[in-house]
Amino acid sequence: MTERQTIAIIEHLEDMPDPRQQGKVLYPLAEIILTSLCAVICGAESYVEIEELGEAKIVFLKQFLPFENGIPSHDTFGIVFSSIDAKGFSQKFIA
């Protein structure tokens, strides 16, 4: 497969504000959301489990996004999700 497949949910969330300092971002928000979504669908219940599933399924995830820096740590998942606007994210996700 030479071209990445697209996922409608990621395209829909592309314009969601990322509260992190852009110069310090190693992991794009779309990669964090995709990894988390896939992991939770598979039964992950913690950031550690999200990280573990991401590491185990990195080849699958790379079909959709580049993951140039690999999978974020469980700490990064926690920091990102604690800093995004939960209400705004929920509204975008439901839409």
PDB file of N, CA and C in Angstrom:
ATOM      1  N   MET A   1       0.860  -1.176   0.000  1.00  0.00           N
ATOM      2  CA  MET A   1       0.000   0.000   0.000  1.00  0.00           C
ATOM      3  C   MET A   1       0.909   1.242   0.000  1.00  0.00           C
ATOM      4  N   THR A   2       0.799   2.073  -1.009  1.00  0.00           N
ATOM      5  CA  THR A   2       1.662   3.237  -1.109  1.00  0.00           C
ATOM      6  C   THR A   2       1.022   4.499  -0.547  1.00  0.00           C
ATOM      7  N   GLU A   3      -0.271   4.653  -0.685  1.00  0.00           N
ATOM      8  CA  GLU A   3      -0.953   5.822  -0.149  1.00  0.00           C
ATOM      9  C   GLU A   3      -1.625   5.464   1.159  1.00  0.00           C
ATOM     10  N   ARG A   4      -1.591   6.411   2.091  1.00  0.00           N
ATOM     11  CA  ARG A   4      -2.254   6.189   3.370  1.00  0.00           C
ATOM     12  C   ARG A   4      -3.770   6.220   3.188  1.00  0.00           C
ATOM     13  N   GLN A   5      -4.450   5.356   3.903  1.00  0.00           N
ATOM     14  CA  GLN A   5      -5.901   5.383   3.916  1.00  0.00           C
ATOM     15  C   GLN A   5      -6.347   6.564   4.773  1.00  0.00           C
ATOM     16  N   THR A   6      -7.519   7.060   4.510  1.00  0.00           N
ATOM     17  CA  THR A   6      -8.027   8.162   5.319  1.00  0.00           C
ATOM     18  C   THR A   6      -9.102   7.658   6.261  1.00  0.00           C
ATOM     19  N   ILE A   7      -9.194   8.310   7.388  1.00  0.00           N
ATOM     20  CA  ILE A   7     -10.205   7.976   8.382  1.00  0.00           C
ATOM     21  C   ILE A   7     -11.031   9.226   8.600  1.00  0.00           C
ATOM     22  N   ALA A   8     -12.332   9.113   8.379  1.00  0.00           N
ATOM     23  CA  ALA A   8     -13.214  10.267   8.473  1.00  0.00           C
ATOM     24  C   ALA A   8     -13.154  10.944   9.836  1.00  0.00           C
ATOM     25  N   ILE A   9     -13.063  10.179  10.917  1.00  0.00           N
ATOM     26  CA  ILE A   9     -13.050  10.788  12.252  1.00  0.00           C
ATOM     27  C   ILE A   9     -11.808  11.664  12.433  1.00  0.00           C
ATOM     28  N   ILE A  10     -10.680  11.244  11.918  1.00  0.00           N
ATOM     29  CA  ILE A  10      -9.452  12.039  12.029  1.00  0.00           C
ATOM     30  C   ILE A  10      -9.582  13.302  11.191  1.00  0.00           C
ATOM     31  N   GLU A  11     -10.112  13.181   9.976  1.00  0.00           N
ATOM     32  CA  GLU A  11     -10.317  14.361   9.139  1.00  0.00           C
ATOM     33  C   GLU A  11     -11.264  15.345   9.812  1.00  0.00           C
ATOM     34  N   HIS A  12     -12.280  14.826  10.466  1.00  0.00           N
ATOM     35  CA  HIS A  12     -13.257  15.681  11.142  1.00  0.00           C
ATOM     36  C   HIS A  12     -12.638  16.412  12.337  1.00  0.00           C
ATOM     37  N   LEU A  13     -11.669  15.799  12.996  1.00  0.00           N
ATOM     38  CA  LEU A  13     -11.057  16.396  14.182  1.00  0.00           C
ATOM     39  C   LEU A  13      -9.818  17.237  13.872  1.00  0.00           C
ATOM     40  N   GLU A  14      -9.437  17.328  12.594  1.00  0.00           N
ATOM     41  CA  GLU A  14      -8.218  18.035  12.211  1.00  0.00           C
ATOM     42  C   GLU A  14      -8.178  19.492  12.675  1.00  0.00           C
ATOM     43  N   ASP A  15      -9.317  20.155  12.685  1.00  0.00           N
ATOM     44  CA  ASP A  15      -9.316  21.564  13.061  1.00  0.00           C
ATOM     45  C   ASP A  15      -9.507  21.783  14.561  1.00  0.00           C
ATOM     46  N   MET A  16      -9.480  20.713  15.334  1.00  0.00           N
ATOM     47  CA  MET A  16      -9.609  20.840  16.783  1.00  0.00           C
ATOM     48  C   MET A  16      -8.360  21.519  17.342  1.00  0.00           C
ATOM     49  N   PRO A  17      -8.531  22.508  18.209  1.00  0.00           N
ATOM     50  CA  PRO A  17      -7.369  23.215  18.756  1.00  0.00           C
ATOM     51  C   PRO A  17      -6.479  22.296  19.595  1.00  0.00           C
ATOM     52  N   ASP A  18      -5.195  22.401  19.373  1.00  0.00           N
ATOM     53  CA  ASP A  18      -4.208  21.650  20.146  1.00  0.00           C
ATOM     54  C   ASP A  18      -3.591  22.626  21.140  1.00  0.00           C
ATOM     55  N   PRO A  19      -3.811  22.434  22.440  1.00  0.00           N
ATOM     56  CA  PRO A  19      -3.356  23.404  23.443  1.00  0.00           C
ATOM     57  C   PRO A  19      -1.853  23.377  23.719  1.00  0.00           C
ATOM     58  N   ARG A  20      -1.140  22.458  23.119  1.00  0.00           N
ATOM     59  CA  ARG A  20       0.300  22.333  23.397  1.00  0.00           C
ATOM     60  C   ARG A  20       1.100  23.389  22.643  1.00  0.00           C
ATOM     61  N   GLN A  21       2.298  23.688  23.138  1.00  0.00           N
ATOM     62  CA  GLN A  21       3.195  24.627  22.471  1.00  0.00           C
ATOM     63  C   GLN A  21       3.717  23.953  21.212  1.00  0.00           C
ATOM     64  N   GLN A  22       3.354  24.511  20.064  1.00  0.00           N
ATOM     65  CA  GLN A  22       3.620  23.848  18.789  1.00  0.00           C
ATOM     66  C   GLN A  22       5.087  23.504  18.546  1.00  0.00           C
ATOM     67  N   GLY A  23       6.003  24.291  19.033  1.00  0.00           N
ATOM     68  CA  GLY A  23       7.421  24.006  18.831  1.00  0.00           C
ATOM     69  C   GLY A  23       7.911  22.805  19.609  1.00  0.00           C
ATOM     70  N   LYS A  24       7.124  22.347  20.567  1.00  0.00           N
ATOM     71  CA  LYS A  24       7.534  21.241  21.427  1.00  0.00           C
ATOM     72  C   LYS A  24       6.757  19.955  21.160  1.00  0.00           C
ATOM     73  N   VAL A  25       5.926  19.949  20.142  1.00  0.00           N
ATOM     74  CA  VAL A  25       5.062  18.800  19.867  1.00  0.00           C
ATOM     75  C   VAL A  25       5.811  17.744  19.052  1.00  0.00           C
ATOM     76  N   LEU A  26       5.985  16.560  19.630  1.00  0.00           N
ATOM     77  CA  LEU A  26       6.588  15.438  18.911  1.00  0.00           C
ATOM     78  C   LEU A  26       5.541  14.522  18.309  1.00  0.00           C
ATOM     79  N   TYR A  27       4.365  14.507  18.922  1.00  0.00           N
ATOM     80  CA  TYR A  27       3.309  13.596  18.508  1.00  0.00           C
ATOM     81  C   TYR A  27       2.077  14.409  18.118  1.00  0.00           C
ATOM     82  N   PRO A  28       1.724  14.422  16.839  1.00  0.00           N
ATOM     83  CA  PRO A  28       0.544  15.178  16.397  1.00  0.00           C
ATOM     84  C   PRO A  28      -0.723  14.699  17.115  1.00  0.00           C
ATOM     85  N   LEU A  29      -1.618  15.625  17.344  1.00  0.00           N
ATOM     86  CA  LEU A  29      -2.864  15.325  18.036  1.00  0.00           C
ATOM     87  C   LEU A  29      -3.637  14.211  17.333  1.00  0.00           C
ATOM     88  N   ALA A  30      -3.627  14.213  16.016  1.00  0.00           N
ATOM     89  CA  ALA A  30      -4.346  13.171  15.266  1.00  0.00           C
ATOM     90  C   ALA A  30      -3.804  11.780  15.588  1.00  0.00           C
ATOM     91  N   GLU A  31      -2.492  11.651  15.745  1.00  0.00           N
ATOM     92  CA  GLU A  31      -1.901  10.356  16.080  1.00  0.00           C
ATOM     93  C   GLU A  31      -2.300   9.917  17.487  1.00  0.00           C
ATOM     94  N   ILE A  32      -2.344  10.862  18.404  1.00  0.00           N
ATOM     95  CA  ILE A  32      -2.741  10.551  19.782  1.00  0.00           C
ATOM     96  C   ILE A  32      -4.200  10.115  19.820  1.00  0.00           C
ATOM     97  N   ILE A  33      -5.058  10.819  19.094  1.00  0.00           N
ATOM     98  CA  ILE A  33      -6.483  10.477  19.084  1.00  0.00           C
ATOM     99  C   ILE A  33      -6.707   9.129  18.406  1.00  0.00           C
ATOM    100  N   LEU A  34      -6.060   8.897  17.260  1.00  0.00           N
ATOM    101  CA  LEU A  34      -6.228   7.626  16.557  1.00  0.00           C
ATOM    102  C   LEU A  34      -5.775   6.462  17.428  1.00  0.00           C
ATOM    103  N   THR A  35      -4.622   6.572  18.032  1.00  0.00           N
ATOM    104  CA  THR A  35      -4.111   5.506  18.892  1.00  0.00           C
ATOM    105  C   THR A  35      -5.067   5.244  20.039  1.00  0.00           C
ATOM    106  N   SER A  36      -5.527   6.315  20.667  1.00  0.00           N
ATOM    107  CA  SER A  36      -6.432   6.183  21.812  1.00  0.00           C
ATOM    108  C   SER A  36      -7.750   5.554  21.412  1.00  0.00           C
ATOM    109  N   LEU A  37      -8.307   6.005  20.316  1.00  0.00           N
ATOM    110  CA  LEU A  37      -9.583   5.480  19.849  1.00  0.00           C
ATOM    111  C   LEU A  37      -9.481   3.979  19.557  1.00  0.00           C
ATOM    112  N   CYS A  38      -8.453   3.592  18.824  1.00  0.00           N
ATOM    113  CA  CYS A  38      -8.274   2.172  18.510  1.00  0.00           C
ATOM    114  C   CYS A  38      -8.071   1.350  19.781  1.00  0.00           C
ATOM    115  N   ALA A  39      -7.281   1.867  20.701  1.00  0.00           N
ATOM    116  CA  ALA A  39      -6.997   1.138  21.931  1.00  0.00           C
ATOM    117  C   ALA A  39      -8.241   0.973  22.793  1.00  0.00           C
ATOM    118  N   VAL A  40      -9.023   2.019  22.916  1.00  0.00           N
ATOM    119  CA  VAL A  40     -10.236   1.941  23.736  1.00  0.00           C
ATOM    120  C   VAL A  40     -11.243   0.975  23.102  1.00  0.00           C
ATOM    121  N   ILE A  41     -11.364   1.000  21.783  1.00  0.00           N
ATOM    122  CA  ILE A  41     -12.239   0.042  21.103  1.00  0.00           C
ATOM    123  C   ILE A  41     -11.794  -1.390  21.393  1.00  0.00           C
ATOM    124  N   CYS A  42     -10.486  -1.579  21.526  1.00  0.00           N
ATOM    125  CA  CYS A  42      -9.933  -2.910  21.806  1.00  0.00           C
ATOM    126  C   CYS A  42      -9.946  -3.253  23.295  1.00  0.00           C
ATOM    127  N   GLY A  43     -10.443  -2.349  24.133  1.00  0.00           N
ATOM    128  CA  GLY A  43     -10.589  -2.660  25.550  1.00  0.00           C
ATOM    129  C   GLY A  43      -9.608  -1.990  26.486  1.00  0.00           C
ATOM    130  N   ALA A  44      -8.746  -1.122  25.981  1.00  0.00           N
ATOM    131  CA  ALA A  44      -7.802  -0.429  26.864  1.00  0.00           C
ATOM    132  C   ALA A  44      -8.559   0.427  27.862  1.00  0.00           C
ATOM    133  N   GLU A  45      -8.089   0.420  29.103  1.00  0.00           N
ATOM    134  CA  GLU A  45      -8.751   1.162  30.164  1.00  0.00           C
ATOM    135  C   GLU A  45      -7.824   2.145  30.871  1.00  0.00           C
ATOM    136  N   SER A  46      -6.616   2.289  30.383  1.00  0.00           N
ATOM    137  CA  SER A  46      -5.671   3.223  31.005  1.00  0.00           C
ATOM    138  C   SER A  46      -4.720   3.744  29.937  1.00  0.00           C
ATOM    139  N   TYR A  47      -4.007   4.806  30.289  1.00  0.00           N
ATOM    140  CA  TYR A  47      -3.028   5.349  29.347  1.00  0.00           C
ATOM    141  C   TYR A  47      -1.893   4.356  29.110  1.00  0.00           C
ATOM    142  N   VAL A  48      -1.543   3.576  30.105  1.00  0.00           N
ATOM    143  CA  VAL A  48      -0.506   2.548  29.941  1.00  0.00           C
ATOM    144  C   VAL A  48      -0.972   1.524  28.904  1.00  0.00           C
ATOM    145  N   GLU A  49      -2.223   1.094  28.998  1.00  0.00           N
ATOM    146  CA  GLU A  49      -2.747   0.123  28.037  1.00  0.00           C
ATOM    147  C   GLU A  49      -2.861   0.723  26.638  1.00  0.00           C
ATOM    148  N   ILE A  50      -3.166   2.017  26.548  1.00  0.00           N
ATOM    149  CA  ILE A  50      -3.210   2.683  25.236  1.00  0.00           C
ATOM    150  C   ILE A  50      -1.816   2.666  24.621  1.00  0.00           C
ATOM    151  N   GLU A  51      -0.809   3.015  25.406  1.00  0.00           N
ATOM    152  CA  GLU A  51       0.569   2.991  24.911  1.00  0.00           C
ATOM    153  C   GLU A  51       0.962   1.579  24.465  1.00  0.00           C
ATOM    154  N   GLU A  52       0.650   0.583  25.276  1.00  0.00           N
ATOM    155  CA  GLU A  52       1.008  -0.802  24.949  1.00  0.00           C
ATOM    156  C   GLU A  52       0.338  -1.264  23.652  1.00  0.00           C
ATOM    157  N   LEU A  53      -0.935  -0.963  23.484  1.00  0.00           N
ATOM    158  CA  LEU A  53      -1.622  -1.356  22.256  1.00  0.00           C
ATOM    159  C   LEU A  53      -1.030  -0.616  21.058  1.00  0.00           C
ATOM    160  N   GLY A  54      -0.740   0.670  21.244  1.00  0.00           N
ATOM    161  CA  GLY A  54      -0.130   1.432  20.160  1.00  0.00           C
ATOM    162  C   GLY A  54       1.181   0.828  19.706  1.00  0.00           C
ATOM    163  N   GLU A  55       2.013   0.448  20.673  1.00  0.00           N
ATOM    164  CA  GLU A  55       3.300  -0.180  20.336  1.00  0.00           C
ATOM    165  C   GLU A  55       3.081  -1.506  19.599  1.00  0.00           C
ATOM    166  N   ALA A  56       2.103  -2.274  20.059  1.00  0.00           N
ATOM    167  CA  ALA A  56       1.840  -3.582  19.447  1.00  0.00           C
ATOM    168  C   ALA A  56       1.243  -3.461  18.044  1.00  0.00           C
ATOM    169  N   LYS A  57       0.541  -2.356  17.770  1.00  0.00           N
ATOM    170  CA  LYS A  57      -0.174  -2.197  16.496  1.00  0.00           C
ATOM    171  C   LYS A  57       0.360  -1.040  15.650  1.00  0.00           C
ATOM    172  N   ILE A  58       1.620  -0.673  15.848  1.00  0.00           N
ATOM    173  CA  ILE A  58       2.191   0.479  15.138  1.00  0.00           C
ATOM    174  C   ILE A  58       2.144   0.281  13.617  1.00  0.00           C
ATOM    175  N   VAL A  59       2.359  -0.912  13.143  1.00  0.00           N
ATOM    176  CA  VAL A  59       2.326  -1.156  11.697  1.00  0.00           C
ATOM    177  C   VAL A  59       0.922  -0.874  11.158  1.00  0.00           C
ATOM    178  N   PHE A  60      -0.100  -1.326  11.859  1.00  0.00           N
ATOM    179  CA  PHE A  60      -1.484  -1.051  11.463  1.00  0.00           C
ATOM    180  C   PHE A  60      -1.756   0.452  11.473  1.00  0.00           C
ATOM    181  N   LEU A  61      -1.365   1.133  12.548  1.00  0.00           N
ATOM    182  CA  LEU A  61      -1.635   2.569  12.688  1.00  0.00           C
ATOM    183  C   LEU A  61      -0.946   3.388  11.600  1.00  0.00           C
ATOM    184  N   LYS A  62       0.224   2.936  11.170  1.00  0.00           N
ATOM    185  CA  LYS A  62       0.974   3.668  10.138  1.00  0.00           C
ATOM    186  C   LYS A  62       0.296   3.616   8.769  1.00  0.00           C
ATOM    187  N   GLN A  63      -0.737   2.809   8.618  1.00  0.00           N
ATOM    188  CA  GLN A  63      -1.511   2.816   7.376  1.00  0.00           C
ATOM    189  C   GLN A  63      -2.283   4.122   7.233  1.00  0.00           C
ATOM    190  N   PHE A  64      -2.505   4.807   8.362  1.00  0.00           N
ATOM    191  CA  PHE A  64      -3.369   5.976   8.381  1.00  0.00           C
ATOM    192  C   PHE A  64      -2.630   7.287   8.639  1.00  0.00           C
ATOM    193  N   LEU A  65      -1.601   7.250   9.477  1.00  0.00           N
ATOM    194  CA  LEU A  65      -0.812   8.446   9.816  1.00  0.00           C
ATOM    195  C   LEU A  65       0.652   8.043   9.908  1.00  0.00           C
ATOM    196  N   PRO A  66       1.573   8.989   9.767  1.00  0.00           N
ATOM    197  CA  PRO A  66       2.990   8.623   9.677  1.00  0.00           C
ATOM    198  C   PRO A  66       3.640   8.083  10.956  1.00  0.00           C
ATOM    199  N   PHE A  67       3.246   8.539  12.127  1.00  0.00           N
ATOM    200  CA  PHE A  67       3.856   8.114  13.383  1.00  0.00           C
ATOM    201  C   PHE A  67       5.385   8.172  13.292  1.00  0.00           C
ATOM    202  N   GLU A  68       5.902   9.296  12.805  1.00  0.00           N
ATOM    203  CA  GLU A  68       7.344   9.463  12.610  1.00  0.00           C
ATOM    204  C   GLU A  68       8.139   9.306  13.903  1.00  0.00           C
ATOM    205  N   ASN A  69       7.544   9.663  15.026  1.00  0.00           N
ATOM    206  CA  ASN A  69       8.239   9.559  16.309  1.00  0.00           C
ATOM    207  C   ASN A  69       7.740   8.383  17.136  1.00  0.00           C
ATOM    208  N   GLY A  70       7.049   7.467  16.509  1.00  0.00           N
ATOM    209  CA  GLY A  70       6.546   6.293  17.212  1.00  0.00           C
ATOM    210  C   GLY A  70       5.291   6.603  18.013  1.00  0.00           C
ATOM    211  N   ILE A  71       5.084   5.812  19.049  1.00  0.00           N
ATOM    212  CA  ILE A  71       3.916   5.946  19.916  1.00  0.00           C
ATOM    213  C   ILE A  71       4.310   6.770  21.146  1.00  0.00           C
ATOM    214  N   PRO A  72       3.468   7.717  21.523  1.00  0.00           N
ATOM    215  CA  PRO A  72       3.765   8.509  22.717  1.00  0.00           C
ATOM    216  C   PRO A  72       3.755   7.647  23.984  1.00  0.00           C
ATOM    217  N   SER A  73       4.393   8.146  25.024  1.00  0.00           N
ATOM    218  CA  SER A  73       4.363   7.460  26.314  1.00  0.00           C
ATOM    219  C   SER A  73       2.996   7.624  26.958  1.00  0.00           C
ATOM    220  N   HIS A  74       2.719   6.786  27.931  1.00  0.00           N
ATOM    221  CA  HIS A  74       1.454   6.907  28.649  1.00  0.00           C
ATOM    222  C   HIS A  74       1.336   8.267  29.324  1.00  0.00           C
ATOM    223  N   ASP A  75       2.457   8.835  29.753  1.00  0.00           N
ATOM    224  CA  ASP A  75       2.432  10.174  30.357  1.00  0.00           C
ATOM    225  C   ASP A  75       1.964  11.217  29.351  1.00  0.00           C
ATOM    226  N   THR A  76       2.427  11.100  28.105  1.00  0.00           N
ATOM    227  CA  THR A  76       2.026  12.047  27.067  1.00  0.00           C
ATOM    228  C   THR A  76       0.526  11.950  26.799  1.00  0.00           C
ATOM    229  N   PHE A  77      -0.001  10.732  26.723  1.00  0.00           N
ATOM    230  CA  PHE A  77      -1.451  10.590  26.543  1.00  0.00           C
ATOM    231  C   PHE A  77      -2.196  11.305  27.671  1.00  0.00           C
ATOM    232  N   GLY A  78      -1.752  11.097  28.900  1.00  0.00           N
ATOM    233  CA  GLY A  78      -2.407  11.730  30.042  1.00  0.00           C
ATOM    234  C   GLY A  78      -2.347  13.238  29.993  1.00  0.00           C
ATOM    235  N   ILE A  79      -1.185  13.778  29.669  1.00  0.00           N
ATOM    236  CA  ILE A  79      -1.009  15.227  29.607  1.00  0.00           C
ATOM    237  C   ILE A  79      -1.893  15.830  28.516  1.00  0.00           C
ATOM    238  N   VAL A  80      -1.895  15.211  27.352  1.00  0.00           N
ATOM    239  CA  VAL A  80      -2.679  15.747  26.235  1.00  0.00           C
ATOM    240  C   VAL A  80      -4.169  15.717  26.560  1.00  0.00           C
ATOM    241  N   PHE A  81      -4.661  14.593  27.034  1.00  0.00           N
ATOM    242  CA  PHE A  81      -6.094  14.506  27.306  1.00  0.00           C
ATOM    243  C   PHE A  81      -6.528  15.354  28.494  1.00  0.00           C
ATOM    244  N   SER A  82      -5.628  15.636  29.396  1.00  0.00           N
ATOM    245  CA  SER A  82      -6.000  16.518  30.509  1.00  0.00           C
ATOM    246  C   SER A  82      -5.969  17.986  30.098  1.00  0.00           C
ATOM    247  N   SER A  83      -5.321  18.295  28.973  1.00  0.00           N
ATOM    248  CA  SER A  83      -5.201  19.693  28.565  1.00  0.00           C
ATOM    249  C   SER A  83      -6.163  20.108  27.447  1.00  0.00           C
ATOM    250  N   ILE A  84      -6.738  19.142  26.732  1.00  0.00           N
ATOM    251  CA  ILE A  84      -7.666  19.536  25.666  1.00  0.00           C
ATOM    252  C   ILE A  84      -9.026  19.904  26.260  1.00  0.00           C
ATOM    253  N   ASP A  85      -9.757  20.690  25.512  1.00  0.00           N
ATOM    254  CA  ASP A  85     -11.091  21.111  25.917  1.00  0.00           C
ATOM    255  C   ASP A  85     -12.036  19.914  25.794  1.00  0.00           C
ATOM    256  N   ALA A  86     -12.396  19.330  26.934  1.00  0.00           N
ATOM    257  CA  ALA A  86     -13.201  18.113  26.939  1.00  0.00           C
ATOM    258  C   ALA A  86     -14.567  18.321  26.285  1.00  0.00           C
ATOM    259  N   LYS A  87     -15.194  19.443  26.563  1.00  0.00           N
ATOM    260  CA  LYS A  87     -16.504  19.709  25.993  1.00  0.00           C
ATOM    261  C   LYS A  87     -16.406  19.868  24.469  1.00  0.00           C
ATOM    262  N   GLY A  88     -15.413  20.623  24.019  1.00  0.00           N
ATOM    263  CA  GLY A  88     -15.207  20.819  22.584  1.00  0.00           C
ATOM    264  C   GLY A  88     -14.880  19.516  21.878  1.00  0.00           C
ATOM    265  N   PHE A  89     -14.039  18.695  22.503  1.00  0.00           N
ATOM    266  CA  PHE A  89     -13.681  17.404  21.934  1.00  0.00           C
ATOM    267  C   PHE A  89     -14.922  16.519  21.840  1.00  0.00           C
ATOM    268  N   SER A  90     -15.693  16.482  22.886  1.00  0.00           N
ATOM    269  CA  SER A  90     -16.906  15.670  22.913  1.00  0.00           C
ATOM    270  C   SER A  90     -17.875  16.092  21.812  1.00  0.00           C
ATOM    271  N   GLN A  91     -18.065  17.387  21.657  1.00  0.00           N
ATOM    272  CA  GLN A  91     -18.970  17.880  20.621  1.00  0.00           C
ATOM    273  C   GLN A  91     -18.477  17.512  19.225  1.00  0.00           C
ATOM    274  N   LYS A  92     -17.170  17.669  18.982  1.00  0.00           N
ATOM    275  CA  LYS A  92     -16.603  17.319  17.673  1.00  0.00           C
ATOM    276  C   LYS A  92     -16.724  15.817  17.422  1.00  0.00           C
ATOM    277  N   PHE A  93     -16.457  15.033  18.458  1.00  0.00           N
ATOM    278  CA  PHE A  93     -16.495  13.577  18.309  1.00  0.00           C
ATOM    279  C   PHE A  93     -17.907  13.108  18.008  1.00  0.00           C
ATOM    280  N   ILE A  94     -18.883  13.625  18.706  1.00  0.00           N
ATOM    281  CA  ILE A  94     -20.276  13.243  18.495  1.00  0.00           C
ATOM    282  C   ILE A  94     -20.751  13.672  17.104  1.00  0.00           C
ATOM    283  N   ALA A  95     -20.332  14.860  16.665  1.00  0.00           N
ATOM    284  CA  ALA A  95     -20.731  15.365  15.340  1.00  0.00           C
ATOM    285  C   ALA A  95     -20.192  14.457  14.251  1.00  0.00           C
TER     286      ALA A  95
END
